[in-house]
Amino acid sequence: MTALQSSTGKALLQALKQAGFEVLRVHGSHHFLQHSDGRATVVPVHSGETIGPGLFAKILRDCDLKREQLQKLL
């Protein structure tokens, strides 16, 4: 298993947009994203904080993406 690079919510948000996700709504610092095929997830965008490994893995599962696919987009 490859180690995940630490990433901010803003960088992850941009990578997911490149993967075809679009922001449906924003509630506070939480961005709700959905793909045209129905996949959806929530990305918290807190300034100066990185996404932890557990939440990062959850976002990958929600988006049905492999670590390598997302790392190419980051």
N, C-alpha and C. Protein backbone atom coordinates (compact mmCIF):
# COMPACT_ATOMS: atom_id res chain seq x y z
N MET A 1 0.85 -1.17 0.00
CA MET A 1 0.00 0.00 0.00
C MET A 1 0.90 1.23 0.00
N THR A 2 0.60 2.16 -0.87
CA THR A 2 1.39 3.38 -0.96
C THR A 2 0.94 4.38 0.09
N ALA A 3 1.89 5.16 0.58
CA ALA A 3 1.56 6.17 1.57
C ALA A 3 0.85 7.33 0.90
N LEU A 4 -0.13 7.86 1.58
CA LEU A 4 -0.85 9.01 1.05
C LEU A 4 -0.09 10.28 1.37
N GLN A 5 0.01 11.15 0.40
CA GLN A 5 0.62 12.44 0.68
C GLN A 5 -0.40 13.30 1.41
N SER A 6 0.06 14.12 2.31
CA SER A 6 -0.88 14.99 3.00
C SER A 6 -1.31 16.08 2.03
N SER A 7 -2.58 16.40 2.08
CA SER A 7 -3.14 17.35 1.14
C SER A 7 -4.12 18.24 1.87
N THR A 8 -4.21 19.48 1.43
CA THR A 8 -5.20 20.38 2.01
C THR A 8 -6.54 20.13 1.33
N GLY A 9 -7.59 20.59 1.96
CA GLY A 9 -8.91 20.45 1.39
C GLY A 9 -9.05 21.18 0.07
N LYS A 10 -8.40 22.34 -0.03
CA LYS A 10 -8.47 23.13 -1.26
C LYS A 10 -7.83 22.39 -2.43
N ALA A 11 -6.67 21.76 -2.19
CA ALA A 11 -5.99 21.01 -3.25
C ALA A 11 -6.81 19.78 -3.64
N LEU A 12 -7.39 19.12 -2.65
CA LEU A 12 -8.21 17.94 -2.92
C LEU A 12 -9.45 18.32 -3.71
N LEU A 13 -10.03 19.46 -3.38
CA LEU A 13 -11.20 19.96 -4.09
C LEU A 13 -10.87 20.19 -5.56
N GLN A 14 -9.73 20.79 -5.86
CA GLN A 14 -9.33 21.05 -7.24
C GLN A 14 -9.08 19.74 -7.99
N ALA A 15 -8.47 18.76 -7.32
CA ALA A 15 -8.20 17.47 -7.95
C ALA A 15 -9.50 16.75 -8.30
N LEU A 16 -10.47 16.80 -7.40
CA LEU A 16 -11.75 16.14 -7.65
C LEU A 16 -12.51 16.83 -8.77
N LYS A 17 -12.37 18.15 -8.88
CA LYS A 17 -13.00 18.86 -9.99
C LYS A 17 -12.41 18.39 -11.31
N GLN A 18 -11.10 18.14 -11.35
CA GLN A 18 -10.45 17.63 -12.55
C GLN A 18 -10.94 16.22 -12.88
N ALA A 19 -11.36 15.47 -11.85
CA ALA A 19 -11.85 14.11 -12.05
C ALA A 19 -13.31 14.09 -12.46
N GLY A 20 -13.93 15.26 -12.61
CA GLY A 20 -15.30 15.32 -13.10
C GLY A 20 -16.35 15.61 -12.03
N PHE A 21 -15.93 15.87 -10.81
CA PHE A 21 -16.88 16.21 -9.75
C PHE A 21 -17.17 17.70 -9.79
N GLU A 22 -18.38 18.07 -9.39
CA GLU A 22 -18.73 19.49 -9.32
C GLU A 22 -19.33 19.78 -7.94
N VAL A 23 -19.12 20.99 -7.49
CA VAL A 23 -19.62 21.40 -6.18
C VAL A 23 -21.12 21.66 -6.29
N LEU A 24 -21.89 20.93 -5.48
CA LEU A 24 -23.34 21.13 -5.45
C LEU A 24 -23.70 22.29 -4.54
N ARG A 25 -23.10 22.28 -3.34
CA ARG A 25 -23.40 23.34 -2.38
C ARG A 25 -22.26 23.41 -1.37
N VAL A 26 -22.23 24.49 -0.64
CA VAL A 26 -21.24 24.70 0.41
C VAL A 26 -21.99 25.06 1.67
N HIS A 27 -21.69 24.35 2.75
CA HIS A 27 -22.31 24.64 4.04
C HIS A 27 -21.17 24.88 5.02
N GLY A 28 -20.91 26.15 5.30
CA GLY A 28 -19.77 26.49 6.13
C GLY A 28 -18.49 26.22 5.36
N SER A 29 -17.65 25.34 5.91
CA SER A 29 -16.40 25.00 5.23
C SER A 29 -16.49 23.65 4.53
N HIS A 30 -17.66 23.05 4.50
CA HIS A 30 -17.83 21.73 3.89
C HIS A 30 -18.41 21.87 2.48
N HIS A 31 -17.67 21.35 1.52
CA HIS A 31 -18.08 21.40 0.12
C HIS A 31 -18.66 20.05 -0.27
N PHE A 32 -19.89 20.04 -0.75
CA PHE A 32 -20.57 18.83 -1.18
C PHE A 32 -20.37 18.69 -2.68
N LEU A 33 -19.73 17.59 -3.09
CA LEU A 33 -19.42 17.37 -4.50
C LEU A 33 -20.18 16.15 -5.02
N GLN A 34 -20.52 16.20 -6.31
CA GLN A 34 -21.18 15.08 -6.94
C GLN A 34 -20.68 14.93 -8.36
N HIS A 35 -20.55 13.68 -8.79
CA HIS A 35 -20.16 13.36 -10.16
C HIS A 35 -21.43 13.13 -10.96
N SER A 36 -21.35 13.25 -12.26
CA SER A 36 -22.54 13.08 -13.09
C SER A 36 -23.10 11.66 -13.03
N ASP A 37 -22.28 10.67 -12.63
CA ASP A 37 -22.76 9.30 -12.52
C ASP A 37 -23.33 8.97 -11.14
N GLY A 38 -23.40 9.96 -10.25
CA GLY A 38 -24.05 9.77 -8.96
C GLY A 38 -23.12 9.66 -7.77
N ARG A 39 -21.82 9.47 -7.98
CA ARG A 39 -20.89 9.41 -6.86
C ARG A 39 -20.86 10.77 -6.17
N ALA A 40 -20.78 10.75 -4.83
CA ALA A 40 -20.79 12.01 -4.08
C ALA A 40 -19.91 11.90 -2.85
N THR A 41 -19.41 13.04 -2.40
CA THR A 41 -18.60 13.10 -1.19
C THR A 41 -18.63 14.51 -0.62
N VAL A 42 -18.06 14.65 0.56
CA VAL A 42 -17.95 15.95 1.23
C VAL A 42 -16.48 16.20 1.52
N VAL A 43 -15.99 17.39 1.19
CA VAL A 43 -14.60 17.76 1.46
C VAL A 43 -14.58 18.99 2.35
N PRO A 44 -13.99 18.87 3.56
CA PRO A 44 -13.85 20.05 4.40
C PRO A 44 -12.67 20.90 3.94
N VAL A 45 -12.88 22.19 3.83
CA VAL A 45 -11.81 23.09 3.40
C VAL A 45 -11.53 24.06 4.55
N HIS A 46 -10.59 23.66 5.40
CA HIS A 46 -10.18 24.49 6.53
C HIS A 46 -8.79 25.03 6.22
N SER A 47 -8.62 26.33 6.30
CA SER A 47 -7.33 26.92 5.94
C SER A 47 -6.23 26.46 6.89
N GLY A 48 -5.11 26.07 6.31
CA GLY A 48 -3.95 25.67 7.09
C GLY A 48 -4.00 24.25 7.63
N GLU A 49 -5.05 23.50 7.38
CA GLU A 49 -5.15 22.13 7.89
C GLU A 49 -5.11 21.14 6.73
N THR A 50 -4.50 19.99 6.98
CA THR A 50 -4.46 18.94 5.97
C THR A 50 -5.54 17.90 6.27
N ILE A 51 -5.91 17.16 5.26
CA ILE A 51 -6.89 16.10 5.40
C ILE A 51 -6.18 14.90 6.03
N GLY A 52 -6.74 14.36 7.10
CA GLY A 52 -6.16 13.20 7.78
C GLY A 52 -6.29 11.94 6.94
N PRO A 53 -5.50 10.91 7.26
CA PRO A 53 -5.50 9.69 6.46
C PRO A 53 -6.85 8.96 6.46
N GLY A 54 -7.56 8.97 7.57
CA GLY A 54 -8.86 8.30 7.63
C GLY A 54 -9.89 8.97 6.76
N LEU A 55 -9.97 10.29 6.83
CA LEU A 55 -10.92 11.04 6.01
C LEU A 55 -10.53 10.95 4.53
N PHE A 56 -9.23 10.98 4.27
CA PHE A 56 -8.75 10.86 2.89
C PHE A 56 -9.20 9.52 2.29
N ALA A 57 -9.07 8.45 3.07
CA ALA A 57 -9.50 7.12 2.61
C ALA A 57 -11.01 7.07 2.39
N LYS A 58 -11.77 7.73 3.26
CA LYS A 58 -13.23 7.77 3.13
C LYS A 58 -13.63 8.50 1.86
N ILE A 59 -12.98 9.60 1.56
CA ILE A 59 -13.26 10.37 0.34
C ILE A 59 -12.94 9.52 -0.88
N LEU A 60 -11.83 8.78 -0.85
CA LEU A 60 -11.49 7.89 -1.96
C LEU A 60 -12.56 6.83 -2.17
N ARG A 61 -13.05 6.24 -1.08
CA ARG A 61 -14.11 5.23 -1.20
C ARG A 61 -15.39 5.85 -1.76
N ASP A 62 -15.76 7.02 -1.26
CA ASP A 62 -16.96 7.69 -1.75
C ASP A 62 -16.86 7.98 -3.25
N CYS A 63 -15.68 8.39 -3.69
CA CYS A 63 -15.49 8.77 -5.09
C CYS A 63 -15.16 7.58 -5.98
N ASP A 64 -14.94 6.42 -5.38
CA ASP A 64 -14.57 5.21 -6.12
C ASP A 64 -13.32 5.46 -6.96
N LEU A 65 -12.31 6.07 -6.33
CA LEU A 65 -11.04 6.34 -6.98
C LEU A 65 -9.93 5.57 -6.28
N LYS A 66 -8.90 5.23 -7.02
CA LYS A 66 -7.70 4.60 -6.45
C LYS A 66 -6.76 5.70 -6.01
N ARG A 67 -5.90 5.37 -5.06
CA ARG A 67 -4.93 6.35 -4.55
C ARG A 67 -4.06 6.90 -5.68
N GLU A 68 -3.64 6.01 -6.57
CA GLU A 68 -2.76 6.42 -7.66
C GLU A 68 -3.47 7.41 -8.59
N GLN A 69 -4.77 7.17 -8.84
CA GLN A 69 -5.52 8.06 -9.71
C GLN A 69 -5.60 9.46 -9.12
N LEU A 70 -5.86 9.53 -7.83
CA LEU A 70 -5.99 10.84 -7.19
C LEU A 70 -4.62 11.52 -7.06
N GLN A 71 -3.59 10.76 -6.79
CA GLN A 71 -2.25 11.36 -6.67
C GLN A 71 -1.78 11.98 -7.98
N LYS A 72 -2.21 11.40 -9.11
CA LYS A 72 -1.86 11.99 -10.41
C LYS A 72 -2.54 13.34 -10.59
N LEU A 73 -3.73 13.50 -10.02
CA LEU A 73 -4.49 14.75 -10.14
C LEU A 73 -4.00 15.83 -9.17
N LEU A 74 -3.38 15.40 -8.06
CA LEU A 74 -2.94 16.38 -7.05
C LEU A 74 -1.72 17.14 -7.48
